[in-house]
Amino acid sequence: MKITENMIIGEVLKKHPSSKKVFEKYLPQCPKCGGKGAESIRRGAKLHGVDPDELVKELNRAAGPRKKK
């Protein structure tokens, strides 16, 4: 599954535990924040002055190759 900027931070953390290091690098408070269950990657990035496209690219690299169905 490809990670997109519209996905909820908490869902990404749950489905891709390896994403935690990326979130800690760009959005250090997000893995611990109560809003992670409602905030999209895009919104979190914008709130913290981070380029959402760069963040999504790195999250997808951390998540590894996508599985083919």
C-alpha atoms as a PDB file:
ATOM      1  CA  MET A   1       0.000   0.000   0.000  1.00  0.00           C
ATOM      2  CA  LYS A   2       1.372   3.352  -1.026  1.00  0.00           C
ATOM      3  CA  ILE A   3       1.437   6.020   1.658  1.00  0.00           C
ATOM      4  CA  THR A   4      -0.179   9.303   0.597  1.00  0.00           C
ATOM      5  CA  GLU A   5      -0.359  12.739   2.164  1.00  0.00           C
ATOM      6  CA  ASN A   6      -4.070  12.310   2.888  1.00  0.00           C
ATOM      7  CA  MET A   7      -3.543   9.290   5.137  1.00  0.00           C
ATOM      8  CA  ILE A   8      -3.958   9.630   8.895  1.00  0.00           C
ATOM      9  CA  ILE A   9      -0.656   9.632  10.798  1.00  0.00           C
ATOM     10  CA  GLY A  10      -1.844   7.089  13.373  1.00  0.00           C
ATOM     11  CA  GLU A  11      -2.999   4.657  10.664  1.00  0.00           C
ATOM     12  CA  VAL A  12       0.361   4.865   8.913  1.00  0.00           C
ATOM     13  CA  LEU A  13       2.190   4.246  12.194  1.00  0.00           C
ATOM     14  CA  LYS A  14       0.002   1.205  12.866  1.00  0.00           C
ATOM     15  CA  LYS A  15       0.344  -0.338   9.390  1.00  0.00           C
ATOM     16  CA  HIS A  16       4.006   0.573   8.921  1.00  0.00           C
ATOM     17  CA  PRO A  17       5.922   0.535  12.232  1.00  0.00           C
ATOM     18  CA  SER A  18       9.093   1.460  10.329  1.00  0.00           C
ATOM     19  CA  SER A  19       7.520   4.862   9.610  1.00  0.00           C
ATOM     20  CA  LYS A  20       7.998   5.896  13.244  1.00  0.00           C
ATOM     21  CA  LYS A  21      11.645   6.877  12.663  1.00  0.00           C
ATOM     22  CA  VAL A  22      10.649   9.076   9.718  1.00  0.00           C
ATOM     23  CA  PHE A  23       7.907  10.791  11.708  1.00  0.00           C
ATOM     24  CA  GLU A  24      10.350  11.314  14.593  1.00  0.00           C
ATOM     25  CA  LYS A  25      12.813  12.928  12.171  1.00  0.00           C
ATOM     26  CA  TYR A  26      10.333  15.337  10.554  1.00  0.00           C
ATOM     27  CA  LEU A  27       7.497  15.617  13.091  1.00  0.00           C
ATOM     28  CA  PRO A  28       9.059  14.608  16.426  1.00  0.00           C
ATOM     29  CA  GLN A  29       5.897  15.043  18.488  1.00  0.00           C
ATOM     30  CA  CYS A  30       3.493  13.242  16.145  1.00  0.00           C
ATOM     31  CA  PRO A  31       4.107   9.609  17.184  1.00  0.00           C
ATOM     32  CA  LYS A  32       3.195  10.593  20.768  1.00  0.00           C
ATOM     33  CA  CYS A  33       0.518  13.197  20.008  1.00  0.00           C
ATOM     34  CA  GLY A  34      -3.136  12.551  20.734  1.00  0.00           C
ATOM     35  CA  GLY A  35      -4.064  14.118  17.397  1.00  0.00           C
ATOM     36  CA  LYS A  36      -2.280  11.446  15.383  1.00  0.00           C
ATOM     37  CA  GLY A  37      -5.571   9.546  15.116  1.00  0.00           C
ATOM     38  CA  ALA A  38      -7.218  12.401  13.240  1.00  0.00           C
ATOM     39  CA  GLU A  39      -4.425  14.391  11.569  1.00  0.00           C
ATOM     40  CA  SER A  40      -3.429  13.705   7.972  1.00  0.00           C
ATOM     41  CA  ILE A  41       0.215  13.605   6.993  1.00  0.00           C
ATOM     42  CA  ARG A  42      -0.309  16.752   4.920  1.00  0.00           C
ATOM     43  CA  ARG A  43      -1.854  18.708   7.784  1.00  0.00           C
ATOM     44  CA  GLY A  44       0.779  17.591  10.264  1.00  0.00           C
ATOM     45  CA  ALA A  45       3.544  18.504   7.839  1.00  0.00           C
ATOM     46  CA  LYS A  46       2.073  21.939   7.136  1.00  0.00           C
ATOM     47  CA  LEU A  47       1.599  22.635  10.858  1.00  0.00           C
ATOM     48  CA  HIS A  48       5.284  21.884  11.444  1.00  0.00           C
ATOM     49  CA  GLY A  49       6.648  23.643   8.338  1.00  0.00           C
ATOM     50  CA  VAL A  50       7.655  20.414   6.591  1.00  0.00           C
ATOM     51  CA  ASP A  51       7.277  19.686   2.874  1.00  0.00           C
ATOM     52  CA  PRO A  52       4.552  17.000   2.756  1.00  0.00           C
ATOM     53  CA  ASP A  53       5.846  15.600  -0.556  1.00  0.00           C
ATOM     54  CA  GLU A  54       9.320  15.014   0.873  1.00  0.00           C
ATOM     55  CA  LEU A  55       7.847  13.445   3.997  1.00  0.00           C
ATOM     56  CA  VAL A  56       5.636  11.081   1.955  1.00  0.00           C
ATOM     57  CA  LYS A  57       8.596  10.054  -0.229  1.00  0.00           C
ATOM     58  CA  GLU A  58      10.650   9.140   2.806  1.00  0.00           C
ATOM     59  CA  LEU A  59       7.725   7.342   4.469  1.00  0.00           C
ATOM     60  CA  ASN A  60       7.255   5.192   1.367  1.00  0.00           C
ATOM     61  CA  ARG A  61      10.957   4.340   1.305  1.00  0.00           C
ATOM     62  CA  ALA A  62      10.806   3.334   4.973  1.00  0.00           C
ATOM     63  CA  ALA A  63       7.677   1.229   4.402  1.00  0.00           C
ATOM     64  CA  GLY A  64       9.547  -0.839   1.822  1.00  0.00           C
ATOM     65  CA  PRO A  65       8.410  -2.209  -1.508  1.00  0.00           C
ATOM     66  CA  ARG A  66       4.710  -2.462  -2.160  1.00  0.00           C
ATOM     67  CA  LYS A  67       3.257  -5.929  -2.325  1.00  0.00           C
ATOM     68  CA  LYS A  68       1.700  -6.957  -5.616  1.00  0.00           C
ATOM     69  CA  LYS A  69      -1.759  -8.491  -5.494  1.00  0.00           C
END
